[in-house]
Amino acid sequence: METIEVTRVEFNSQDAQDEFQNQMRFVHIPVSHMSYQEVFAVASRIQDRFKASFRMIACEAIYEGAFFKYYQNTTTTFFKY
């Protein structure tokens, strides 16, 4: 599983943003050393807890020198390199 340098994770809810930071304290891995799959796994757990009342709207990262963005709207998840 590759590790990327995550530079920003943003949710459309401050409660979810706060919960993400709280969850990260229990993971014991700095977010910048997690793979994007691991970041999304944490986000999924939070989404389950909040019953999908929020979504992760952005995740920006650098992987092997390439800038990587994850965005999600109500119908589409896409990656932009």
PDB file of N, CA and C in Angstrom:
ATOM      1  N   MET A   1       0.852  -1.182   0.000  1.00  0.00           N
ATOM      2  CA  MET A   1       0.000   0.000   0.000  1.00  0.00           C
ATOM      3  C   MET A   1       0.894   1.240   0.000  1.00  0.00           C
ATOM      4  N   GLU A   2       0.727   2.073  -1.010  1.00  0.00           N
ATOM      5  CA  GLU A   2       1.598   3.231  -1.100  1.00  0.00           C
ATOM      6  C   GLU A   2       1.224   4.282  -0.053  1.00  0.00           C
ATOM      7  N   THR A   3       2.187   5.058   0.340  1.00  0.00           N
ATOM      8  CA  THR A   3       1.961   6.141   1.286  1.00  0.00           C
ATOM      9  C   THR A   3       2.164   7.451   0.550  1.00  0.00           C
ATOM     10  N   ILE A   4       1.239   8.359   0.747  1.00  0.00           N
ATOM     11  CA  ILE A   4       1.346   9.659   0.122  1.00  0.00           C
ATOM     12  C   ILE A   4       1.356  10.725   1.204  1.00  0.00           C
ATOM     13  N   GLU A   5       1.832  11.882   0.853  1.00  0.00           N
ATOM     14  CA  GLU A   5       1.845  13.001   1.792  1.00  0.00           C
ATOM     15  C   GLU A   5       0.524  13.746   1.641  1.00  0.00           C
ATOM     16  N   VAL A   6      -0.354  13.559   2.586  1.00  0.00           N
ATOM     17  CA  VAL A   6      -1.649  14.222   2.533  1.00  0.00           C
ATOM     18  C   VAL A   6      -1.478  15.636   3.068  1.00  0.00           C
ATOM     19  N   THR A   7      -1.876  16.613   2.267  1.00  0.00           N
ATOM     20  CA  THR A   7      -1.673  18.005   2.655  1.00  0.00           C
ATOM     21  C   THR A   7      -2.948  18.667   3.157  1.00  0.00           C
ATOM     22  N   ARG A   8      -4.100  18.117   2.811  1.00  0.00           N
ATOM     23  CA  ARG A   8      -5.355  18.728   3.276  1.00  0.00           C
ATOM     24  C   ARG A   8      -6.474  17.718   3.185  1.00  0.00           C
ATOM     25  N   VAL A   9      -7.289  17.641   4.221  1.00  0.00           N
ATOM     26  CA  VAL A   9      -8.517  16.859   4.206  1.00  0.00           C
ATOM     27  C   VAL A   9      -9.613  17.809   4.667  1.00  0.00           C
ATOM     28  N   GLU A  10     -10.666  17.918   3.883  1.00  0.00           N
ATOM     29  CA  GLU A  10     -11.707  18.889   4.197  1.00  0.00           C
ATOM     30  C   GLU A  10     -13.081  18.244   4.096  1.00  0.00           C
ATOM     31  N   PHE A  11     -13.913  18.533   5.075  1.00  0.00           N
ATOM     32  CA  PHE A  11     -15.285  18.043   5.081  1.00  0.00           C
ATOM     33  C   PHE A  11     -16.235  19.224   4.928  1.00  0.00           C
ATOM     34  N   ASN A  12     -17.473  18.935   4.568  1.00  0.00           N
ATOM     35  CA  ASN A  12     -18.451  20.006   4.417  1.00  0.00           C
ATOM     36  C   ASN A  12     -19.191  20.282   5.719  1.00  0.00           C
ATOM     37  N   SER A  13     -18.656  19.805   6.819  1.00  0.00           N
ATOM     38  CA  SER A  13     -19.271  19.994   8.134  1.00  0.00           C
ATOM     39  C   SER A  13     -18.163  20.177   9.164  1.00  0.00           C
ATOM     40  N   GLN A  14     -18.291  21.193   9.996  1.00  0.00           N
ATOM     41  CA  GLN A  14     -17.272  21.412  11.026  1.00  0.00           C
ATOM     42  C   GLN A  14     -17.282  20.270  12.045  1.00  0.00           C
ATOM     43  N   ASP A  15     -18.466  19.731  12.348  1.00  0.00           N
ATOM     44  CA  ASP A  15     -18.543  18.592  13.267  1.00  0.00           C
ATOM     45  C   ASP A  15     -17.747  17.416  12.727  1.00  0.00           C
ATOM     46  N   ALA A  16     -17.902  17.152  11.435  1.00  0.00           N
ATOM     47  CA  ALA A  16     -17.167  16.045  10.822  1.00  0.00           C
ATOM     48  C   ALA A  16     -15.675  16.346  10.792  1.00  0.00           C
ATOM     49  N   GLN A  17     -15.324  17.594  10.524  1.00  0.00           N
ATOM     50  CA  GLN A  17     -13.910  17.983  10.514  1.00  0.00           C
ATOM     51  C   GLN A  17     -13.296  17.750  11.898  1.00  0.00           C
ATOM     52  N   ASP A  18     -14.024  18.161  12.926  1.00  0.00           N
ATOM     53  CA  ASP A  18     -13.540  17.961  14.295  1.00  0.00           C
ATOM     54  C   ASP A  18     -13.438  16.479  14.630  1.00  0.00           C
ATOM     55  N   GLU A  19     -14.419  15.703  14.184  1.00  0.00           N
ATOM     56  CA  GLU A  19     -14.402  14.269  14.462  1.00  0.00           C
ATOM     57  C   GLU A  19     -13.237  13.592  13.750  1.00  0.00           C
ATOM     58  N   PHE A  20     -12.927  14.046  12.533  1.00  0.00           N
ATOM     59  CA  PHE A  20     -11.783  13.499  11.810  1.00  0.00           C
ATOM     60  C   PHE A  20     -10.503  13.727  12.614  1.00  0.00           C
ATOM     61  N   GLN A  21     -10.314  14.941  13.108  1.00  0.00           N
ATOM     62  CA  GLN A  21      -9.128  15.234  13.911  1.00  0.00           C
ATOM     63  C   GLN A  21      -9.101  14.360  15.171  1.00  0.00           C
ATOM     64  N   ASN A  22     -10.254  14.166  15.781  1.00  0.00           N
ATOM     65  CA  ASN A  22     -10.352  13.334  16.969  1.00  0.00           C
ATOM     66  C   ASN A  22      -9.988  11.878  16.656  1.00  0.00           C
ATOM     67  N   GLN A  23     -10.535  11.368  15.548  1.00  0.00           N
ATOM     68  CA  GLN A  23     -10.233   9.987  15.141  1.00  0.00           C
ATOM     69  C   GLN A  23      -8.749   9.810  14.859  1.00  0.00           C
ATOM     70  N   MET A  24      -8.124  10.810  14.279  1.00  0.00           N
ATOM     71  CA  MET A  24      -6.719  10.693  13.911  1.00  0.00           C
ATOM     72  C   MET A  24      -5.832  10.519  15.140  1.00  0.00           C
ATOM     73  N   ARG A  25      -6.277  11.007  16.279  1.00  0.00           N
ATOM     74  CA  ARG A  25      -5.488  10.835  17.506  1.00  0.00           C
ATOM     75  C   ARG A  25      -5.401   9.365  17.895  1.00  0.00           C
ATOM     76  N   PHE A  26      -6.385   8.567  17.494  1.00  0.00           N
ATOM     77  CA  PHE A  26      -6.407   7.147  17.860  1.00  0.00           C
ATOM     78  C   PHE A  26      -5.720   6.265  16.823  1.00  0.00           C
ATOM     79  N   VAL A  27      -5.457   6.816  15.654  1.00  0.00           N
ATOM     80  CA  VAL A  27      -4.819   6.024  14.599  1.00  0.00           C
ATOM     81  C   VAL A  27      -3.319   5.874  14.859  1.00  0.00           C
ATOM     82  N   HIS A  28      -2.744   6.878  15.509  1.00  0.00           N
ATOM     83  CA  HIS A  28      -1.317   6.879  15.852  1.00  0.00           C
ATOM     84  C   HIS A  28      -0.413   6.889  14.621  1.00  0.00           C
ATOM     85  N   ILE A  29      -0.940   7.358  13.507  1.00  0.00           N
ATOM     86  CA  ILE A  29      -0.121   7.566  12.310  1.00  0.00           C
ATOM     87  C   ILE A  29      -0.393   9.005  11.871  1.00  0.00           C
ATOM     88  N   PRO A  30       0.640   9.820  11.680  1.00  0.00           N
ATOM     89  CA  PRO A  30       0.379  11.164  11.175  1.00  0.00           C
ATOM     90  C   PRO A  30      -0.340  11.083   9.827  1.00  0.00           C
ATOM     91  N   VAL A  31      -1.296  11.971   9.622  1.00  0.00           N
ATOM     92  CA  VAL A  31      -2.053  11.908   8.370  1.00  0.00           C
ATOM     93  C   VAL A  31      -1.135  12.011   7.157  1.00  0.00           C
ATOM     94  N   SER A  32      -0.014  12.713   7.310  1.00  0.00           N
ATOM     95  CA  SER A  32       0.905  12.867   6.185  1.00  0.00           C
ATOM     96  C   SER A  32       1.644  11.571   5.848  1.00  0.00           C
ATOM     97  N   HIS A  33       1.550  10.548   6.719  1.00  0.00           N
ATOM     98  CA  HIS A  33       2.204   9.270   6.462  1.00  0.00           C
ATOM     99  C   HIS A  33       1.206   8.158   6.167  1.00  0.00           C
ATOM    100  N   MET A  34      -0.046   8.520   5.967  1.00  0.00           N
ATOM    101  CA  MET A  34      -1.070   7.520   5.684  1.00  0.00           C
ATOM    102  C   MET A  34      -1.294   7.417   4.185  1.00  0.00           C
ATOM    103  N   SER A  35      -1.675   6.243   3.745  1.00  0.00           N
ATOM    104  CA  SER A  35      -2.082   6.118   2.350  1.00  0.00           C
ATOM    105  C   SER A  35      -3.464   6.744   2.202  1.00  0.00           C
ATOM    106  N   TYR A  36      -3.812   7.114   0.978  1.00  0.00           N
ATOM    107  CA  TYR A  36      -5.132   7.714   0.806  1.00  0.00           C
ATOM    108  C   TYR A  36      -6.222   6.715   1.151  1.00  0.00           C
ATOM    109  N   GLN A  37      -5.961   5.402   0.980  1.00  0.00           N
ATOM    110  CA  GLN A  37      -6.960   4.397   1.378  1.00  0.00           C
ATOM    111  C   GLN A  37      -7.207   4.460   2.887  1.00  0.00           C
ATOM    112  N   GLU A  38      -6.151   4.675   3.655  1.00  0.00           N
ATOM    113  CA  GLU A  38      -6.296   4.767   5.111  1.00  0.00           C
ATOM    114  C   GLU A  38      -7.072   6.022   5.501  1.00  0.00           C
ATOM    115  N   VAL A  39      -6.786   7.130   4.841  1.00  0.00           N
ATOM    116  CA  VAL A  39      -7.523   8.363   5.110  1.00  0.00           C
ATOM    117  C   VAL A  39      -9.010   8.148   4.836  1.00  0.00           C
ATOM    118  N   PHE A  40      -9.317   7.508   3.705  1.00  0.00           N
ATOM    119  CA  PHE A  40     -10.717   7.297   3.351  1.00  0.00           C
ATOM    120  C   PHE A  40     -11.388   6.307   4.299  1.00  0.00           C
ATOM    121  N   ALA A  41     -10.618   5.360   4.813  1.00  0.00           N
ATOM    122  CA  ALA A  41     -11.190   4.404   5.770  1.00  0.00           C
ATOM    123  C   ALA A  41     -11.625   5.137   7.041  1.00  0.00           C
ATOM    124  N   VAL A  42     -10.807   6.063   7.508  1.00  0.00           N
ATOM    125  CA  VAL A  42     -11.186   6.861   8.675  1.00  0.00           C
ATOM    126  C   VAL A  42     -12.417   7.704   8.345  1.00  0.00           C
ATOM    127  N   ALA A  43     -12.409   8.318   7.170  1.00  0.00           N
ATOM    128  CA  ALA A  43     -13.551   9.146   6.763  1.00  0.00           C
ATOM    129  C   ALA A  43     -14.823   8.321   6.676  1.00  0.00           C
ATOM    130  N   SER A  44     -14.714   7.091   6.208  1.00  0.00           N
ATOM    131  CA  SER A  44     -15.891   6.224   6.095  1.00  0.00           C
ATOM    132  C   SER A  44     -16.472   5.904   7.465  1.00  0.00           C
ATOM    133  N   ARG A  45     -15.600   5.653   8.431  1.00  0.00           N
ATOM    134  CA  ARG A  45     -16.083   5.382   9.795  1.00  0.00           C
ATOM    135  C   ARG A  45     -16.833   6.595  10.351  1.00  0.00           C
ATOM    136  N   ILE A  46     -16.306   7.773  10.075  1.00  0.00           N
ATOM    137  CA  ILE A  46     -16.969   8.985  10.549  1.00  0.00           C
ATOM    138  C   ILE A  46     -18.307   9.156   9.830  1.00  0.00           C
ATOM    139  N   GLN A  47     -18.317   8.878   8.534  1.00  0.00           N
ATOM    140  CA  GLN A  47     -19.553   9.024   7.776  1.00  0.00           C
ATOM    141  C   GLN A  47     -20.617   8.064   8.310  1.00  0.00           C
ATOM    142  N   ASP A  48     -20.224   6.865   8.662  1.00  0.00           N
ATOM    143  CA  ASP A  48     -21.166   5.912   9.261  1.00  0.00           C
ATOM    144  C   ASP A  48     -21.722   6.467  10.568  1.00  0.00           C
ATOM    145  N   ARG A  49     -20.851   7.041  11.360  1.00  0.00           N
ATOM    146  CA  ARG A  49     -21.282   7.578  12.652  1.00  0.00           C
ATOM    147  C   ARG A  49     -22.271   8.730  12.477  1.00  0.00           C
ATOM    148  N   PHE A  50     -22.016   9.561  11.478  1.00  0.00           N
ATOM    149  CA  PHE A  50     -22.883  10.718  11.252  1.00  0.00           C
ATOM    150  C   PHE A  50     -24.028  10.406  10.290  1.00  0.00           C
ATOM    151  N   LYS A  51     -24.185   9.137   9.949  1.00  0.00           N
ATOM    152  CA  LYS A  51     -25.282   8.694   9.078  1.00  0.00           C
ATOM    153  C   LYS A  51     -25.312   9.460   7.753  1.00  0.00           C
ATOM    154  N   ALA A  52     -24.118   9.631   7.199  1.00  0.00           N
ATOM    155  CA  ALA A  52     -23.972  10.248   5.871  1.00  0.00           C
ATOM    156  C   ALA A  52     -24.534  11.658   5.805  1.00  0.00           C
ATOM    157  N   SER A  53     -24.541  12.361   6.931  1.00  0.00           N
ATOM    158  CA  SER A  53     -25.037  13.734   6.924  1.00  0.00           C
ATOM    159  C   SER A  53     -23.954  14.718   6.474  1.00  0.00           C
ATOM    160  N   PHE A  54     -22.801  14.201   6.120  1.00  0.00           N
ATOM    161  CA  PHE A  54     -21.722  15.036   5.611  1.00  0.00           C
ATOM    162  C   PHE A  54     -20.980  14.232   4.559  1.00  0.00           C
ATOM    163  N   ARG A  55     -20.053  14.865   3.906  1.00  0.00           N
ATOM    164  CA  ARG A  55     -19.152  14.135   3.016  1.00  0.00           C
ATOM    165  C   ARG A  55     -17.779  14.795   3.031  1.00  0.00           C
ATOM    166  N   MET A  56     -16.787  13.993   2.723  1.00  0.00           N
ATOM    167  CA  MET A  56     -15.446  14.545   2.562  1.00  0.00           C
ATOM    168  C   MET A  56     -15.423  15.193   1.186  1.00  0.00           C
ATOM    169  N   ILE A  57     -15.124  16.472   1.142  1.00  0.00           N
ATOM    170  CA  ILE A  57     -15.219  17.184  -0.126  1.00  0.00           C
ATOM    171  C   ILE A  57     -13.866  17.393  -0.798  1.00  0.00           C
ATOM    172  N   ALA A  58     -12.793  17.212  -0.056  1.00  0.00           N
ATOM    173  CA  ALA A  58     -11.486  17.385  -0.689  1.00  0.00           C
ATOM    174  C   ALA A  58     -10.417  16.637   0.091  1.00  0.00           C
ATOM    175  N   CYS A  59      -9.492  16.068  -0.645  1.00  0.00           N
ATOM    176  CA  CYS A  59      -8.302  15.473  -0.042  1.00  0.00           C
ATOM    177  C   CYS A  59      -7.167  15.755  -1.014  1.00  0.00           C
ATOM    178  N   GLU A  60      -6.226  16.558  -0.594  1.00  0.00           N
ATOM    179  CA  GLU A  60      -5.110  16.911  -1.457  1.00  0.00           C
ATOM    180  C   GLU A  60      -3.850  16.234  -0.942  1.00  0.00           C
ATOM    181  N   ALA A  61      -3.036  15.786  -1.859  1.00  0.00           N
ATOM    182  CA  ALA A  61      -1.837  15.061  -1.462  1.00  0.00           C
ATOM    183  C   ALA A  61      -0.761  15.164  -2.526  1.00  0.00           C
ATOM    184  N   ILE A  62       0.438  14.781  -2.105  1.00  0.00           N
ATOM    185  CA  ILE A  62       1.564  14.703  -3.022  1.00  0.00           C
ATOM    186  C   ILE A  62       2.066  13.258  -2.995  1.00  0.00           C
ATOM    187  N   TYR A  63       2.196  12.664  -4.171  1.00  0.00           N
ATOM    188  CA  TYR A  63       2.655  11.274  -4.260  1.00  0.00           C
ATOM    189  C   TYR A  63       3.693  11.188  -5.368  1.00  0.00           C
ATOM    190  N   GLU A  64       4.889  10.806  -4.992  1.00  0.00           N
ATOM    191  CA  GLU A  64       5.998  10.694  -5.938  1.00  0.00           C
ATOM    192  C   GLU A  64       6.144  11.965  -6.766  1.00  0.00           C
ATOM    193  N   GLY A  65       6.023  13.090  -6.087  1.00  0.00           N
ATOM    194  CA  GLY A  65       6.227  14.373  -6.750  1.00  0.00           C
ATOM    195  C   GLY A  65       5.033  14.894  -7.525  1.00  0.00           C
ATOM    196  N   ALA A  66       3.974  14.093  -7.640  1.00  0.00           N
ATOM    197  CA  ALA A  66       2.787  14.517  -8.380  1.00  0.00           C
ATOM    198  C   ALA A  66       1.718  14.999  -7.401  1.00  0.00           C
ATOM    199  N   PHE A  67       1.080  16.087  -7.757  1.00  0.00           N
ATOM    200  CA  PHE A  67       0.015  16.614  -6.908  1.00  0.00           C
ATOM    201  C   PHE A  67      -1.261  15.843  -7.220  1.00  0.00           C
ATOM    202  N   PHE A  68      -1.967  15.454  -6.174  1.00  0.00           N
ATOM    203  CA  PHE A  68      -3.097  14.542  -6.282  1.00  0.00           C
ATOM    204  C   PHE A  68      -4.267  15.160  -5.534  1.00  0.00           C
ATOM    205  N   LYS A  69      -5.433  15.180  -6.159  1.00  0.00           N
ATOM    206  CA  LYS A  69      -6.616  15.714  -5.482  1.00  0.00           C
ATOM    207  C   LYS A  69      -7.759  14.719  -5.582  1.00  0.00           C
ATOM    208  N   TYR A  70      -8.475  14.610  -4.502  1.00  0.00           N
ATOM    209  CA  TYR A  70      -9.707  13.829  -4.461  1.00  0.00           C
ATOM    210  C   TYR A  70     -10.824  14.817  -4.180  1.00  0.00           C
ATOM    211  N   TYR A  71     -11.844  14.778  -5.011  1.00  0.00           N
ATOM    212  CA  TYR A  71     -13.015  15.611  -4.748  1.00  0.00           C
ATOM    213  C   TYR A  71     -14.256  14.746  -4.833  1.00  0.00           C
ATOM    214  N   GLN A  72     -15.290  15.139  -4.139  1.00  0.00           N
ATOM    215  CA  GLN A  72     -16.536  14.391  -4.192  1.00  0.00           C
ATOM    216  C   GLN A  72     -17.679  15.394  -4.206  1.00  0.00           C
ATOM    217  N   ASN A  73     -18.603  15.181  -5.130  1.00  0.00           N
ATOM    218  CA  ASN A  73     -19.849  15.928  -5.040  1.00  0.00           C
ATOM    219  C   ASN A  73     -20.964  14.919  -4.790  1.00  0.00           C
ATOM    220  N   THR A  74     -22.176  15.291  -4.967  1.00  0.00           N
ATOM    221  CA  THR A  74     -23.258  14.400  -4.552  1.00  0.00           C
ATOM    222  C   THR A  74     -23.360  13.147  -5.413  1.00  0.00           C
ATOM    223  N   THR A  75     -22.841  13.179  -6.615  1.00  0.00           N
ATOM    224  CA  THR A  75     -23.006  12.018  -7.493  1.00  0.00           C
ATOM    225  C   THR A  75     -21.700  11.411  -7.974  1.00  0.00           C
ATOM    226  N   THR A  76     -20.602  12.148  -7.875  1.00  0.00           N
ATOM    227  CA  THR A  76     -19.375  11.691  -8.525  1.00  0.00           C
ATOM    228  C   THR A  76     -18.186  11.796  -7.593  1.00  0.00           C
ATOM    229  N   THR A  77     -17.380  10.777  -7.598  1.00  0.00           N
ATOM    230  CA  THR A  77     -16.081  10.829  -6.940  1.00  0.00           C
ATOM    231  C   THR A  77     -15.037  10.774  -8.052  1.00  0.00           C
ATOM    232  N   PHE A  78     -14.092  11.692  -8.031  1.00  0.00           N
ATOM    233  CA  PHE A  78     -13.080  11.641  -9.073  1.00  0.00           C
ATOM    234  C   PHE A  78     -11.735  12.093  -8.543  1.00  0.00           C
ATOM    235  N   PHE A  79     -10.707  11.664  -9.248  1.00  0.00           N
ATOM    236  CA  PHE A  79      -9.345  11.985  -8.874  1.00  0.00           C
ATOM    237  C   PHE A  79      -8.738  12.832  -9.981  1.00  0.00           C
ATOM    238  N   LYS A  80      -7.984  13.829  -9.594  1.00  0.00           N
ATOM    239  CA  LYS A  80      -7.347  14.705 -10.561  1.00  0.00           C
ATOM    240  C   LYS A  80      -5.857  14.722 -10.269  1.00  0.00           C
ATOM    241  N   TYR A  81      -5.062  14.450 -11.282  1.00  0.00           N
ATOM    242  CA  TYR A  81      -3.608  14.419 -11.101  1.00  0.00           C
ATOM    243  C   TYR A  81      -2.988  15.644 -11.734  1.00  0.00           C
TER     244      TYR A  81
END
